[in-house]
Amino acid sequence: MGSLRYGIIGGGFVTIFHLRALRQVRGVEVAGLYAVPAAEQAAARVRDYGLGEGKIYDSIAELAKNADVVAIFAPNYLRVEMTEQIVEAVKAGAELKGVICEKPLARNMSEGRRMLELIKSVNVPTSYFENQVHMRPVHAAREQLELVFQSMGPPVLTRSAEEHSGPHSGWFWDPVQQGGGVLSDMGCHCLAVGWYTLTAPDKPVQFLEPVAVSADIALIKWGLPRWRQQLLDRYGIDYSKTPAEDFATGTVTYRNPETGQLVKSQFSNSWMYEKQGLRIFLDGMGPGYAFELNTLRSSLEVFVGDVAAATVADAEAALEKSTATRGLLVVQPNEPDLLGYTDEHRDAIAAFNAGRSALLDWNYGLQIVKLTMAAYMSAELGRVVDLTDAQTLRELDTYVPLIQQGRGREVLHVPG
């Protein structure tokens, strides 16, 4: 069997991160990229990494005709339109084995349902990329505790957090283009990994039934005048007019359909974490056991004093969203592998070669969108959202958070 040919739509930060992961994955090559603004930069990486020629196509239709898999790594607000073009290419004869979409699947349920309907119309397998579910420490914990799960039951509480000092690109800060703030950007990670790690390893990923969501959101650091001005100067985003949340926290309650037991998953996210760089934290507890993961713990640390600080290379090569180039620094020697990027590609490649969707497909991605929307609704209404209520589910299907509408001032405190 020959290598699976990827056609990539994207050229920014997450595309480069995926290319770093693909260097470590067998059975794949990058056949080309769609001509987004940063495609030349990504194409150069493709060549440098030995992944392909880095050819750039002027249309998604041409890209799809020359690929086995199309990967959507482009901004959230473009994904419905891009899915429409992929589907049109398939109808015109492109023989795709699969389509990948980076998290989140969509900004809201309406968009997500449209994407799912489109891809189902051409019967192409899908993969929803949520890297934290594929993190090796997550799977190692589940493997080590397998016998404990069998005797004591799976975890009853998980707590997850993903935090850093803020996104790289202007569209991420724009609540209309991105779909919100940190809850939309990073809350989807925690919602997924919390659900996954509560679930017994021998059960499907959607086995536990979400029954309630409560959440709180706030604009804390980036609402202050000094930091608002920085966003305005750097990205042209004005949080005095159209703010987004930089902090989110909440709890999802799940029901085991076999036993009726209720279990909980807490999440916390922020764009104001200033310690070293990106931190992913996860812990879980069950009767008589526990596990914990923290990506700021590494077997490698380096110290750089003031006199040597000017010689430091790009700090982000050592740790995503790094905030410092001196002092005691955490270095993750293989961050794409640690964070699950390599294994989500391996999972997708194996699935597509077998003619099926990946462990996490677009239907699963849509359920994560639903949980995210329920969290925004809970924060807006100031109450628990009941996911067993039929009327609430109908409202979520068409719900667009006020922050996503550009009306964040109605729900967030913006200091004068």
Protein backbone atom coordinates (compact mmCIF):
# COMPACT_ATOMS: atom_id res chain seq x y z
CA MET A 1 0.00 0.00 0.00
CA GLY A 2 1.41 3.38 -1.02
CA SER A 3 1.53 6.50 1.08
CA LEU A 4 -1.70 8.37 1.75
CA ARG A 5 -1.57 11.76 0.03
CA TYR A 6 -2.62 14.71 2.19
CA GLY A 7 -3.96 17.90 0.70
CA ILE A 8 -3.77 20.62 3.35
CA ILE A 9 -5.96 23.70 3.60
CA GLY A 10 -4.05 26.02 5.91
CA GLY A 11 -0.66 27.56 6.43
CA GLY A 12 -0.61 29.07 9.92
CA PHE A 13 0.54 27.96 13.34
CA VAL A 14 -1.52 24.77 13.64
CA THR A 15 -0.55 23.66 10.12
CA ILE A 16 3.14 23.96 10.99
CA PHE A 17 2.55 22.01 14.20
CA HIS A 18 0.85 19.22 12.22
CA LEU A 19 3.75 19.15 9.76
CA ARG A 20 6.14 18.68 12.68
CA ALA A 21 4.00 15.73 13.74
CA LEU A 22 3.85 14.24 10.24
CA ARG A 23 7.65 13.99 10.15
CA GLN A 24 7.19 11.14 12.64
CA VAL A 25 4.34 9.31 10.87
CA ARG A 26 4.77 6.60 8.27
CA GLY A 27 2.55 6.05 5.27
CA VAL A 28 1.78 9.68 4.47
CA GLU A 29 3.02 12.44 2.21
CA VAL A 30 1.84 15.98 1.64
CA ALA A 31 0.66 16.15 -1.95
CA GLY A 32 -0.03 19.86 -1.82
CA LEU A 33 -1.56 22.86 -0.11
CA TYR A 34 -4.36 25.26 -0.98
CA ALA A 35 -3.21 28.81 -1.68
CA VAL A 36 -4.13 30.47 1.62
CA PRO A 37 -2.07 33.56 2.60
CA ALA A 38 0.57 31.60 4.57
CA ALA A 39 0.78 28.64 2.20
CA GLU A 40 4.30 29.50 0.97
CA GLN A 41 5.66 29.27 4.51
CA ALA A 42 4.00 25.90 5.04
CA ALA A 43 5.13 24.63 1.63
CA ALA A 44 8.73 25.43 2.54
CA ARG A 45 8.34 23.35 5.72
CA VAL A 46 6.90 20.47 3.69
CA ARG A 47 10.04 20.46 1.56
CA ASP A 48 12.40 20.94 4.51
CA TYR A 49 10.79 18.02 6.35
CA GLY A 50 10.94 15.73 3.31
CA LEU A 51 7.16 15.34 3.24
CA GLY A 52 6.66 16.24 -0.43
CA GLU A 53 7.23 18.89 -3.07
CA GLY A 54 5.09 21.49 -1.33
CA LYS A 55 3.00 22.21 -4.42
CA ILE A 56 0.44 24.99 -3.99
CA TYR A 57 -2.94 24.71 -5.73
CA ASP A 58 -5.08 27.68 -6.65
CA SER A 59 -8.36 25.94 -5.84
CA ILE A 60 -9.66 23.41 -3.34
CA ALA A 61 -11.08 21.46 -6.28
CA GLU A 62 -7.60 21.00 -7.79
CA LEU A 63 -6.15 20.14 -4.40
CA ALA A 64 -8.82 17.47 -3.82
CA LYS A 65 -8.24 15.92 -7.25
CA ASN A 66 -4.58 15.38 -6.38
CA ALA A 67 -5.00 14.08 -2.83
CA ASP A 68 -6.43 11.09 -0.97
CA VAL A 69 -7.25 13.10 2.15
CA VAL A 70 -8.09 16.78 2.58
CA ALA A 71 -7.20 18.31 5.95
CA ILE A 72 -8.97 21.52 6.99
CA PHE A 73 -6.57 23.47 9.19
CA ALA A 74 -7.98 26.86 8.17
CA PRO A 75 -9.77 29.46 10.37
CA ASN A 76 -13.15 28.56 11.86
CA TYR A 77 -15.20 31.11 9.91
CA LEU A 78 -14.14 29.59 6.56
CA ARG A 79 -14.93 25.94 7.26
CA VAL A 80 -18.49 25.66 5.98
CA GLU A 81 -17.53 27.24 2.67
CA MET A 82 -14.45 25.03 2.38
CA THR A 83 -16.47 21.89 3.14
CA GLU A 84 -18.89 22.89 0.39
CA GLN A 85 -15.99 23.12 -2.07
CA ILE A 86 -14.58 19.75 -0.97
CA VAL A 87 -17.98 18.11 -1.49
CA GLU A 88 -18.36 19.72 -4.92
CA ALA A 89 -14.91 18.36 -5.84
CA VAL A 90 -15.96 14.84 -4.81
CA LYS A 91 -19.15 15.13 -6.84
CA ALA A 92 -16.99 16.23 -9.79
CA GLY A 93 -14.81 13.12 -9.50
CA ALA A 94 -12.22 13.63 -6.73
CA GLU A 95 -11.68 10.24 -5.07
CA LEU A 96 -11.12 11.10 -1.43
CA LYS A 97 -10.58 8.47 1.24
CA GLY A 98 -11.20 10.91 4.07
CA VAL A 99 -11.56 14.49 5.27
CA ILE A 100 -9.97 15.86 8.46
CA CYS A 101 -11.13 18.91 10.40
CA GLU A 102 -9.08 20.48 13.17
CA LYS A 103 -10.98 21.39 16.33
CA PRO A 104 -13.50 22.95 16.76
CA LEU A 105 -15.65 21.46 14.03
CA ALA A 106 -17.68 24.67 13.76
CA ARG A 107 -18.55 27.92 15.54
CA ASN A 108 -22.09 26.77 16.40
CA MET A 109 -24.56 23.93 15.89
CA SER A 110 -26.06 25.30 12.68
CA GLU A 111 -22.68 25.43 10.99
CA GLY A 112 -21.65 22.05 12.38
CA ARG A 113 -24.83 20.36 11.18
CA ARG A 114 -24.36 21.87 7.73
CA MET A 115 -20.81 20.49 7.53
CA LEU A 116 -21.95 17.05 8.67
CA GLU A 117 -24.84 16.98 6.19
CA LEU A 118 -22.51 18.00 3.37
CA ILE A 119 -19.90 15.33 4.03
CA LYS A 120 -22.55 12.63 4.55
CA SER A 121 -24.01 13.47 1.13
CA VAL A 122 -20.86 12.09 -0.53
CA ASN A 123 -20.21 9.30 1.99
CA VAL A 124 -16.59 10.24 2.70
CA PRO A 125 -15.08 9.05 6.03
CA THR A 126 -14.12 11.78 8.50
CA SER A 127 -11.71 12.53 11.33
CA TYR A 128 -12.25 15.23 13.93
CA PHE A 129 -8.84 16.27 15.22
CA GLU A 130 -8.83 16.62 19.00
CA ASN A 131 -5.23 15.99 19.98
CA GLN A 132 -5.69 15.69 23.74
CA VAL A 133 -7.74 12.50 23.39
CA HIS A 134 -4.72 11.01 21.59
CA MET A 135 -2.09 12.10 24.13
CA ARG A 136 0.12 9.18 25.11
CA PRO A 137 0.08 10.02 28.83
CA VAL A 138 -3.74 9.81 28.69
CA HIS A 139 -3.60 6.37 27.11
CA ALA A 140 -0.78 5.23 29.40
CA ALA A 141 -2.88 6.14 32.45
CA ARG A 142 -5.84 4.18 31.10
CA GLU A 143 -3.64 1.17 30.31
CA GLN A 144 -1.96 1.19 33.73
CA LEU A 145 -5.32 1.41 35.49
CA GLU A 146 -7.18 -1.08 33.30
CA LEU A 147 -7.44 -3.78 35.98
CA VAL A 148 -8.32 -1.16 38.58
CA PHE A 149 -11.15 0.09 36.34
CA GLN A 150 -12.44 -3.46 36.06
CA SER A 151 -12.56 -3.96 39.82
CA MET A 152 -13.40 -0.43 41.05
CA GLY A 153 -15.09 1.13 38.04
CA PRO A 154 -13.96 3.97 35.73
CA PRO A 155 -13.24 7.48 37.07
CA VAL A 156 -16.09 9.45 38.60
CA LEU A 157 -14.44 12.88 38.42
CA THR A 158 -12.01 14.42 35.97
CA ARG A 159 -10.59 17.95 36.01
CA SER A 160 -8.89 19.44 32.99
CA ALA A 161 -7.29 22.75 32.13
CA GLU A 162 -5.59 24.25 29.10
CA GLU A 163 -4.06 27.68 29.52
CA HIS A 164 -1.59 30.01 27.86
CA SER A 165 -1.00 33.74 27.45
CA GLY A 166 -3.08 34.20 24.29
CA PRO A 167 -3.37 33.19 20.60
CA HIS A 168 -0.93 33.92 17.78
CA SER A 169 -3.28 35.23 15.10
CA GLY A 170 -5.70 38.13 14.96
CA TRP A 171 -8.72 36.05 13.87
CA PHE A 172 -8.44 33.98 17.07
CA TRP A 173 -9.00 37.14 19.11
CA ASP A 174 -11.99 38.18 16.98
CA PRO A 175 -15.07 36.63 18.64
CA VAL A 176 -17.12 36.73 15.45
CA GLN A 177 -14.52 35.04 13.25
CA GLN A 178 -13.34 32.56 15.87
CA GLY A 179 -16.75 31.87 17.40
CA GLY A 180 -16.06 33.24 20.87
CA GLY A 181 -13.05 33.52 23.13
CA VAL A 182 -11.07 31.02 25.17
CA LEU A 183 -14.06 28.73 25.72
CA SER A 184 -14.46 28.24 21.96
CA ASP A 185 -10.71 28.08 21.38
CA MET A 186 -9.56 25.82 24.21
CA GLY A 187 -12.64 24.72 26.13
CA CYS A 188 -13.37 22.21 23.37
CA HIS A 189 -10.12 20.41 24.28
CA CYS A 190 -11.08 20.04 27.92
CA LEU A 191 -14.66 19.04 27.18
CA ALA A 192 -13.41 16.24 24.94
CA VAL A 193 -10.62 14.86 27.12
CA GLY A 194 -12.77 15.07 30.25
CA TRP A 195 -15.55 13.06 28.59
CA TYR A 196 -13.04 10.56 27.19
CA THR A 197 -11.20 9.90 30.45
CA LEU A 198 -14.45 9.38 32.37
CA THR A 199 -15.41 6.66 29.90
CA ALA A 200 -14.45 3.01 30.46
CA PRO A 201 -11.82 1.93 27.88
CA ASP A 202 -14.06 -0.84 26.53
CA LYS A 203 -16.94 1.55 25.76
CA PRO A 204 -17.52 3.82 22.72
CA VAL A 205 -16.33 7.43 23.04
CA GLN A 206 -19.94 8.71 23.26
CA PHE A 207 -21.09 6.01 25.73
CA LEU A 208 -21.63 8.41 28.64
CA GLU A 209 -24.64 10.68 28.10
CA PRO A 210 -24.20 14.42 28.79
CA VAL A 211 -27.13 15.52 30.97
CA ALA A 212 -26.19 18.98 32.32
CA VAL A 213 -23.70 21.81 31.83
CA SER A 214 -22.90 24.76 34.09
CA ALA A 215 -20.32 27.40 33.21
CA ASP A 216 -18.99 30.84 34.05
CA ILE A 217 -16.99 33.11 31.75
CA ALA A 218 -15.22 36.44 32.26
CA LEU A 219 -12.94 39.00 30.64
CA ILE A 220 -10.18 39.62 33.15
CA LYS A 221 -6.69 40.45 31.85
CA TRP A 222 -7.44 41.39 28.24
CA GLY A 223 -10.25 43.73 29.24
CA LEU A 224 -7.88 46.06 31.09
CA PRO A 225 -7.02 49.25 29.16
CA ARG A 226 -3.30 48.45 28.80
CA TRP A 227 -3.93 45.00 27.31
CA ARG A 228 -6.88 46.12 25.20
CA GLN A 229 -4.57 48.66 23.59
CA GLN A 230 -2.00 45.96 22.88
CA LEU A 231 -4.62 43.92 21.02
CA LEU A 232 -5.74 46.97 19.09
CA ASP A 233 -2.18 47.90 18.11
CA ARG A 234 -1.09 44.37 17.21
CA TYR A 235 -4.21 42.89 15.60
CA GLY A 236 -6.72 45.71 15.13
CA ILE A 237 -9.12 43.97 17.54
CA ASP A 238 -10.96 46.33 19.89
CA TYR A 239 -12.13 44.60 23.08
CA SER A 240 -13.72 47.82 24.30
CA LYS A 241 -16.33 47.29 21.54
CA THR A 242 -16.43 43.56 20.72
CA PRO A 243 -14.86 41.68 23.64
CA ALA A 244 -14.45 37.94 24.13
CA GLU A 245 -13.87 35.98 27.31
CA ASP A 246 -10.31 35.21 28.39
CA PHE A 247 -11.40 32.91 31.25
CA ALA A 248 -13.91 30.06 31.35
CA THR A 249 -14.73 27.37 33.86
CA GLY A 250 -17.52 24.88 34.33
CA THR A 251 -18.75 21.36 34.94
CA VAL A 252 -20.41 18.76 32.72
CA THR A 253 -22.49 15.99 34.29
CA TYR A 254 -22.70 12.65 32.49
CA ARG A 255 -24.97 9.67 33.03
CA ASN A 256 -23.93 6.06 32.62
CA PRO A 257 -26.82 4.56 30.59
CA GLU A 258 -26.22 1.08 31.99
CA THR A 259 -26.07 1.92 35.72
CA GLY A 260 -27.64 5.37 35.96
CA GLN A 261 -24.57 6.66 37.82
CA LEU A 262 -23.82 10.38 37.44
CA VAL A 263 -20.18 11.45 36.99
CA LYS A 264 -18.60 14.87 36.57
CA SER A 265 -15.96 16.58 34.46
CA GLN A 266 -14.66 20.03 35.40
CA PHE A 267 -12.89 22.33 32.94
CA SER A 268 -10.92 25.57 33.22
CA ASN A 269 -9.33 27.66 30.47
CA SER A 270 -7.59 31.01 30.23
CA TRP A 271 -5.65 33.28 27.91
CA MET A 272 -3.67 34.79 30.78
CA TYR A 273 -1.44 31.99 32.00
CA GLU A 274 2.01 33.56 32.26
CA LYS A 275 4.09 30.74 33.72
CA GLN A 276 6.59 29.49 31.10
CA GLY A 277 4.11 28.62 28.33
CA LEU A 278 1.22 26.37 27.37
CA ARG A 279 0.00 24.22 30.26
CA ILE A 280 -2.25 21.21 29.83
CA PHE A 281 -3.41 19.73 33.12
CA LEU A 282 -5.61 16.70 33.67
CA ASP A 283 -6.42 14.61 36.69
CA GLY A 284 -8.97 11.95 37.41
CA MET A 285 -10.25 10.10 40.43
CA GLY A 286 -12.15 6.92 41.13
CA PRO A 287 -12.66 4.77 44.22
CA GLY A 288 -9.18 4.13 45.62
CA TYR A 289 -7.14 5.51 42.70
CA ALA A 290 -6.16 8.67 40.82
CA PHE A 291 -4.00 9.92 37.95
CA GLU A 292 -2.51 13.31 37.03
CA LEU A 293 -0.93 14.87 33.94
CA ASN A 294 0.89 18.20 33.69
CA THR A 295 2.74 19.15 30.50
CA LEU A 296 4.93 21.69 32.31
CA ARG A 297 6.74 18.79 33.94
CA SER A 298 9.54 17.62 31.70
CA SER A 299 12.65 15.49 31.95
CA LEU A 300 14.54 18.44 30.44
CA GLU A 301 14.96 21.91 31.89
CA VAL A 302 17.46 24.58 30.88
CA PHE A 303 18.57 27.69 32.72
CA VAL A 304 19.54 30.90 30.92
CA GLY A 305 20.94 33.81 32.89
CA ASP A 306 20.63 37.48 31.98
CA VAL A 307 24.12 37.65 30.50
CA ALA A 308 23.30 34.88 28.02
CA ALA A 309 19.68 35.76 27.21
CA ALA A 310 20.49 37.55 23.97
CA THR A 311 21.79 34.30 22.45
CA VAL A 312 18.60 32.29 22.95
CA ALA A 313 16.92 30.92 19.81
CA ASP A 314 13.17 30.90 19.21
CA ALA A 315 11.73 29.90 22.59
CA GLU A 316 8.59 28.46 21.02
CA ALA A 317 10.63 25.68 19.47
CA ALA A 318 11.03 24.41 23.02
CA LEU A 319 7.50 24.99 24.32
CA GLU A 320 4.30 26.22 22.68
CA LYS A 321 3.25 29.76 23.72
CA SER A 322 6.51 30.21 25.63
CA THR A 323 6.52 33.44 27.65
CA ALA A 324 10.21 33.67 28.56
CA THR A 325 13.71 33.27 27.10
CA ARG A 326 15.64 33.33 30.37
CA GLY A 327 15.47 31.81 33.81
CA LEU A 328 14.52 28.17 34.42
CA LEU A 329 12.79 27.02 31.23
CA VAL A 330 10.81 23.86 30.53
CA VAL A 331 11.74 22.12 27.28
CA GLN A 332 9.55 19.44 25.74
CA PRO A 333 11.87 17.68 23.26
CA ASN A 334 9.00 16.31 21.15
CA GLU A 335 5.93 18.43 21.79
CA PRO A 336 3.86 17.24 18.77
CA ASP A 337 4.19 13.67 20.03
CA LEU A 338 3.56 14.56 23.69
CA LEU A 339 0.39 16.50 22.81
CA GLY A 340 -1.13 13.74 20.70
CA TYR A 341 -0.67 15.20 17.21
CA THR A 342 1.33 12.25 15.86
CA ASP A 343 -1.13 9.66 17.10
CA GLU A 344 -4.23 11.45 15.82
CA HIS A 345 -2.64 11.31 12.36
CA ARG A 346 -1.81 7.62 12.78
CA ASP A 347 -5.40 6.95 13.84
CA ALA A 348 -6.81 8.83 10.84
CA ILE A 349 -4.45 7.16 8.35
CA ALA A 350 -5.28 3.65 9.62
CA ALA A 351 -9.01 4.40 9.54
CA PHE A 352 -9.03 5.94 6.06
CA ASN A 353 -6.93 3.09 4.64
CA ALA A 354 -9.54 0.71 6.08
CA GLY A 355 -12.39 2.69 4.51
CA ARG A 356 -13.88 3.97 7.77
CA SER A 357 -13.97 7.10 9.91
CA ALA A 358 -11.47 7.69 12.70
CA LEU A 359 -11.95 7.16 16.44
CA LEU A 360 -13.30 10.72 16.61
CA ASP A 361 -15.46 11.52 13.60
CA TRP A 362 -17.38 14.67 12.64
CA ASN A 363 -20.48 13.51 14.47
CA TYR A 364 -18.38 13.40 17.65
CA GLY A 365 -17.05 16.86 16.81
CA LEU A 366 -20.63 18.10 16.56
CA GLN A 367 -21.34 16.79 20.07
CA ILE A 368 -18.37 18.80 21.37
CA VAL A 369 -19.83 21.88 19.65
CA LYS A 370 -23.12 21.17 21.47
CA LEU A 371 -21.35 21.02 24.84
CA THR A 372 -19.50 24.26 24.05
CA MET A 373 -22.74 26.00 23.10
CA ALA A 374 -24.40 24.69 26.28
CA ALA A 375 -21.54 26.18 28.30
CA TYR A 376 -21.99 29.59 26.65
CA MET A 377 -25.75 29.38 27.19
CA SER A 378 -25.24 28.51 30.86
CA ALA A 379 -22.92 31.49 31.33
CA GLU A 380 -25.37 33.85 29.60
CA LEU A 381 -28.39 32.65 31.55
CA GLY A 382 -26.63 32.18 34.87
CA ARG A 383 -28.04 28.69 35.42
CA VAL A 384 -27.45 25.01 34.71
CA VAL A 385 -28.42 23.95 31.19
CA ASP A 386 -30.43 20.71 31.18
CA LEU A 387 -29.42 18.56 28.20
CA THR A 388 -32.27 16.12 28.81
CA ASP A 389 -34.86 18.81 28.09
CA ALA A 390 -36.20 18.66 24.53
CA GLN A 391 -36.90 22.39 24.32
CA THR A 392 -33.34 23.22 25.42
CA LEU A 393 -31.92 20.92 22.75
CA ARG A 394 -34.04 22.64 20.10
CA GLU A 395 -32.77 26.03 21.28
CA LEU A 396 -29.15 24.85 21.16
CA ASP A 397 -29.59 23.82 17.52
CA THR A 398 -30.00 27.46 16.46
CA TYR A 399 -28.23 29.20 19.35
CA VAL A 400 -25.42 31.67 18.63
CA PRO A 401 -23.72 33.07 21.75
CA LEU A 402 -23.90 36.83 22.24
CA ILE A 403 -20.10 36.96 22.26
CA GLN A 404 -20.01 35.22 18.88
CA GLN A 405 -22.50 37.78 17.57
CA GLY A 406 -20.11 40.59 18.55
CA ARG A 407 -22.32 41.56 21.52
CA GLY A 408 -19.91 40.54 24.26
CA ARG A 409 -20.38 43.77 26.21
CA GLU A 410 -23.84 42.50 27.14
CA VAL A 411 -22.39 39.57 29.11
CA LEU A 412 -18.81 40.60 29.96
CA HIS A 413 -17.53 43.34 32.27
CA VAL A 414 -15.21 45.68 30.35
CA PRO A 415 -13.39 48.13 32.68
CA GLY A 416 -13.42 51.79 31.72
